[in-house]
Amino acid sequence: MPPPSNLYLFGYNSLQAFGWAIAIFRILSNFISTGSFYGGYASAGDLICLLQSVAFLEVIHGAIGLVPSGVVLPLMQWGGRTHFLLAIVRQIDEVQELPAVFITFLAWSLSEVVRYPQHAFTCIGSCPYWITYLRYTAFIVLYPVGLFTGEMWLMYEAVPFIKKKNLYADFFSAFPFTYYTFVRVLLVLYPFLWLKLYLHLFKQRRSKLRKHDKKKMK
């Protein structure tokens, strides 16, 4: 019988997997019915905002030692996605229908419907190898697609609207720069910050798949 912490993690990851499966079903259903890339946010935006907000629990899991991920990398991933989603996409109606939203949501959903089941099965000590292999292989394509043709493209398109709306002016009045400047600088730094996470995933991939190969040899 797995310990209570593993049962909790199994439940959490299973619910997230279910939520992202619904999200991808909504995104693809809308695309098939309309033949358009412009309905990504309308089809699944609210659900993905909820799933991404709840994912802050993963930062807490690492902070309290429930999982060995630590805090920095989960916080970077959660913070980057949440800023993109809640601070930009949700607040600027003009960008919600852009194809970049569809691309981002599809890349995120495809990643998460593999990642969360892999975590869930691992918690109960029974994860099929093909799921582990897919988890540590699909990201090689999905992460760059989600970042460069999704997140960064949309943030670039959002910059003029951020300036026009003077977004978050009250909050940034305490700083010597505006949110408009912050996002422009973030766009320059984004690939370098993302690269740290991307390389970490390659390191994880080598470690996880090597363990399986060693077990097969035994």
Protein backbone atom coordinates (compact mmCIF):
# COMPACT_ATOMS: atom_id res chain seq x y z
CA MET A 1 0.00 0.00 0.00
CA PRO A 2 1.59 3.34 -1.05
CA PRO A 3 2.08 5.86 1.79
CA PRO A 4 -0.51 8.68 2.21
CA SER A 5 1.78 11.21 0.51
CA ASN A 6 1.97 9.04 -2.60
CA LEU A 7 -1.79 8.53 -2.61
CA TYR A 8 -2.25 12.31 -2.41
CA LEU A 9 0.20 12.86 -5.28
CA PHE A 10 -1.52 10.14 -7.30
CA GLY A 11 -4.86 11.89 -6.78
CA TYR A 12 -3.47 15.34 -7.61
CA ASN A 13 -1.70 14.20 -10.78
CA SER A 14 -4.71 12.15 -11.90
CA LEU A 15 -7.03 15.15 -11.55
CA GLN A 16 -4.61 17.36 -13.46
CA ALA A 17 -4.34 14.74 -16.19
CA PHE A 18 -8.13 14.58 -16.42
CA GLY A 19 -8.40 18.36 -16.57
CA TRP A 20 -5.82 18.70 -19.34
CA ALA A 21 -7.48 15.87 -21.28
CA ILE A 22 -10.73 17.85 -21.19
CA ALA A 23 -8.83 20.96 -22.29
CA ILE A 24 -7.30 19.27 -25.32
CA PHE A 25 -10.68 17.75 -26.21
CA ARG A 26 -12.27 21.22 -26.15
CA ILE A 27 -9.46 22.79 -28.18
CA LEU A 28 -9.53 20.11 -30.88
CA SER A 29 -13.33 19.92 -30.96
CA ASN A 30 -13.52 23.65 -31.56
CA PHE A 31 -10.85 23.44 -34.25
CA ILE A 32 -12.60 20.56 -36.03
CA SER A 33 -16.02 22.21 -35.89
CA THR A 34 -14.85 25.67 -37.00
CA GLY A 35 -11.75 24.85 -39.04
CA SER A 36 -10.13 27.86 -37.40
CA PHE A 37 -7.12 28.50 -35.16
CA TYR A 38 -8.81 31.54 -33.64
CA GLY A 39 -10.94 29.95 -30.93
CA GLY A 40 -8.31 28.58 -28.59
CA TYR A 41 -9.03 30.81 -25.63
CA ALA A 42 -12.82 30.71 -25.99
CA SER A 43 -12.81 26.90 -26.06
CA ALA A 44 -10.55 26.16 -23.09
CA GLY A 45 -9.14 29.40 -21.65
CA ASP A 46 -11.00 29.40 -18.35
CA LEU A 47 -10.23 25.75 -17.67
CA ILE A 48 -6.53 26.16 -18.46
CA CYS A 49 -6.36 29.25 -16.23
CA LEU A 50 -7.77 27.13 -13.39
CA LEU A 51 -5.43 24.18 -14.00
CA GLN A 52 -2.41 26.45 -14.21
CA SER A 53 -3.34 28.31 -11.01
CA VAL A 54 -3.78 25.05 -9.11
CA ALA A 55 -0.37 23.91 -10.40
CA PHE A 56 1.24 26.23 -7.82
CA LEU A 57 0.83 23.21 -5.54
CA GLU A 58 3.75 21.68 -7.42
CA VAL A 59 6.01 24.48 -6.19
CA ILE A 60 4.81 23.74 -2.65
CA HIS A 61 5.37 20.01 -3.15
CA GLY A 62 9.00 20.72 -4.00
CA ALA A 63 9.42 23.23 -1.18
CA ILE A 64 8.29 20.82 1.53
CA GLY A 65 10.15 17.84 0.08
CA LEU A 66 7.10 15.91 -1.05
CA VAL A 67 8.80 15.50 -4.43
CA PRO A 68 12.53 15.80 -5.25
CA SER A 69 12.10 18.59 -7.83
CA GLY A 70 13.14 21.42 -5.52
CA VAL A 71 11.64 24.90 -5.80
CA VAL A 72 13.53 26.91 -8.42
CA LEU A 73 12.68 25.07 -11.65
CA PRO A 74 8.99 24.39 -10.80
CA LEU A 75 8.64 28.05 -9.79
CA MET A 76 10.24 29.23 -13.03
CA GLN A 77 7.92 27.11 -15.13
CA TRP A 78 4.82 27.97 -13.13
CA GLY A 79 5.70 31.67 -12.98
CA GLY A 80 6.40 31.94 -16.70
CA ARG A 81 3.19 30.21 -17.73
CA THR A 82 1.04 31.98 -15.18
CA HIS A 83 2.35 35.42 -16.11
CA PHE A 84 1.76 34.70 -19.79
CA LEU A 85 -1.71 33.34 -19.15
CA LEU A 86 -3.18 35.50 -16.37
CA ALA A 87 -1.28 38.76 -16.74
CA ILE A 88 -1.33 39.00 -20.54
CA VAL A 89 -3.76 36.68 -22.35
CA ARG A 90 -6.59 36.92 -19.83
CA GLN A 91 -6.28 40.71 -19.53
CA ILE A 92 -6.00 41.66 -23.21
CA ASP A 93 -9.07 40.71 -25.23
CA GLU A 94 -7.38 41.65 -28.50
CA VAL A 95 -4.86 38.81 -28.29
CA GLN A 96 -7.17 36.04 -27.11
CA GLU A 97 -8.17 35.06 -30.64
CA LEU A 98 -4.66 34.95 -32.08
CA PRO A 99 -3.39 31.61 -33.47
CA ALA A 100 -0.54 31.82 -30.95
CA VAL A 101 -3.03 31.03 -28.17
CA PHE A 102 -4.18 27.91 -29.99
CA ILE A 103 -0.57 26.80 -30.55
CA THR A 104 0.40 27.43 -26.93
CA PHE A 105 -2.65 25.70 -25.47
CA LEU A 106 -2.24 22.70 -27.77
CA ALA A 107 1.47 22.33 -26.94
CA TRP A 108 0.81 22.70 -23.20
CA SER A 109 -2.09 20.22 -23.28
CA LEU A 110 -0.19 17.58 -25.24
CA SER A 111 2.69 17.88 -22.78
CA GLU A 112 0.52 17.66 -19.70
CA VAL A 113 -1.66 14.73 -20.78
CA VAL A 114 1.57 12.74 -20.83
CA ARG A 115 3.45 14.32 -17.90
CA TYR A 116 0.71 14.04 -15.28
CA PRO A 117 -0.19 10.38 -15.97
CA GLN A 118 3.52 9.52 -15.83
CA HIS A 119 3.78 11.19 -12.42
CA ALA A 120 0.57 9.52 -11.24
CA PHE A 121 1.64 5.99 -12.21
CA THR A 122 5.11 6.57 -10.74
CA CYS A 123 3.51 7.47 -7.39
CA ILE A 124 2.00 4.00 -7.14
CA GLY A 125 5.12 2.30 -8.49
CA SER A 126 3.54 1.07 -11.69
CA CYS A 127 4.41 3.25 -14.68
CA PRO A 128 4.59 1.59 -18.11
CA TYR A 129 7.88 2.29 -19.85
CA TRP A 130 6.22 3.72 -22.96
CA ILE A 131 4.61 6.48 -20.90
CA THR A 132 7.95 7.33 -19.30
CA TYR A 133 9.63 7.32 -22.71
CA LEU A 134 6.92 9.55 -24.18
CA ARG A 135 7.09 11.89 -21.18
CA TYR A 136 10.82 12.38 -21.60
CA THR A 137 10.75 12.58 -25.40
CA ALA A 138 7.68 14.59 -26.42
CA PHE A 139 9.00 17.72 -24.69
CA ILE A 140 11.87 17.90 -27.21
CA VAL A 141 9.41 19.17 -29.82
CA LEU A 142 6.51 20.47 -27.75
CA TYR A 143 8.48 22.82 -25.49
CA PRO A 144 10.16 24.82 -28.29
CA VAL A 145 6.90 24.96 -30.27
CA GLY A 146 4.99 26.21 -27.23
CA LEU A 147 7.63 28.80 -26.42
CA PHE A 148 8.69 30.29 -29.76
CA THR A 149 5.56 29.97 -31.91
CA GLY A 150 3.18 30.32 -28.97
CA GLU A 151 4.20 32.26 -25.88
CA MET A 152 6.85 34.58 -27.34
CA TRP A 153 4.88 35.27 -30.50
CA LEU A 154 1.81 36.23 -28.49
CA MET A 155 3.76 38.41 -26.04
CA TYR A 156 5.32 40.22 -29.01
CA GLU A 157 1.85 40.81 -30.47
CA ALA A 158 0.60 41.98 -27.06
CA VAL A 159 3.30 44.65 -26.56
CA PRO A 160 1.44 47.44 -28.46
CA PHE A 161 -1.76 46.76 -26.51
CA ILE A 162 0.17 46.79 -23.22
CA LYS A 163 1.51 50.23 -24.13
CA LYS A 164 -1.84 51.52 -25.36
CA LYS A 165 -3.73 50.34 -22.27
CA ASN A 166 -0.87 51.35 -19.93
CA LEU A 167 -1.40 47.99 -18.29
CA TYR A 168 -0.68 47.67 -14.55
CA ALA A 169 0.32 51.35 -14.36
CA ASP A 170 -0.66 51.64 -10.69
CA PHE A 171 1.43 48.67 -9.62
CA PHE A 172 4.49 49.68 -11.66
CA SER A 173 4.31 53.31 -10.50
CA ALA A 174 6.58 52.23 -7.62
CA PHE A 175 9.28 51.14 -10.09
CA PRO A 176 11.52 53.17 -12.43
CA PHE A 177 10.09 51.28 -15.42
CA THR A 178 6.67 50.37 -16.82
CA TYR A 179 5.10 46.99 -17.43
CA TYR A 180 5.57 47.69 -21.15
CA THR A 181 9.33 47.92 -20.61
CA PHE A 182 9.28 44.87 -18.35
CA VAL A 183 7.66 42.70 -21.04
CA ARG A 184 10.07 43.92 -23.73
CA VAL A 185 13.05 43.01 -21.56
CA LEU A 186 11.38 39.70 -20.64
CA LEU A 187 11.06 38.83 -24.32
CA VAL A 188 14.85 39.18 -24.68
CA LEU A 189 15.55 37.10 -21.57
CA TYR A 190 12.83 34.51 -22.13
CA PRO A 191 14.83 32.09 -24.33
CA PHE A 192 17.75 32.08 -21.88
CA LEU A 193 15.50 31.43 -18.88
CA TRP A 194 13.67 28.72 -20.80
CA LEU A 195 16.93 27.10 -21.91
CA LYS A 196 17.80 26.32 -18.27
CA LEU A 197 14.60 24.31 -17.88
CA TYR A 198 14.97 22.70 -21.31
CA LEU A 199 18.50 21.47 -20.59
CA HIS A 200 17.37 20.20 -17.18
CA LEU A 201 14.73 18.09 -18.91
CA PHE A 202 17.39 16.55 -21.16
CA LYS A 203 19.39 15.71 -18.04
CA GLN A 204 16.29 14.09 -16.52
CA ARG A 205 15.68 12.20 -19.76
CA ARG A 206 19.15 10.65 -19.73
CA SER A 207 18.78 9.70 -16.07
CA LYS A 208 15.28 8.18 -16.32
CA LEU A 209 15.86 6.23 -19.52
CA ARG A 210 19.27 5.02 -18.38
CA LYS A 211 17.69 3.59 -15.22
CA HIS A 212 15.26 1.62 -17.35
CA ASP A 213 18.06 0.32 -19.59
CA LYS A 214 20.02 -0.85 -16.53
CA LYS A 215 16.96 -2.69 -15.22
CA LYS A 216 16.56 -4.46 -18.57
CA MET A 217 20.20 -5.53 -18.54
CA LYS A 218 19.77 -7.06 -15.08
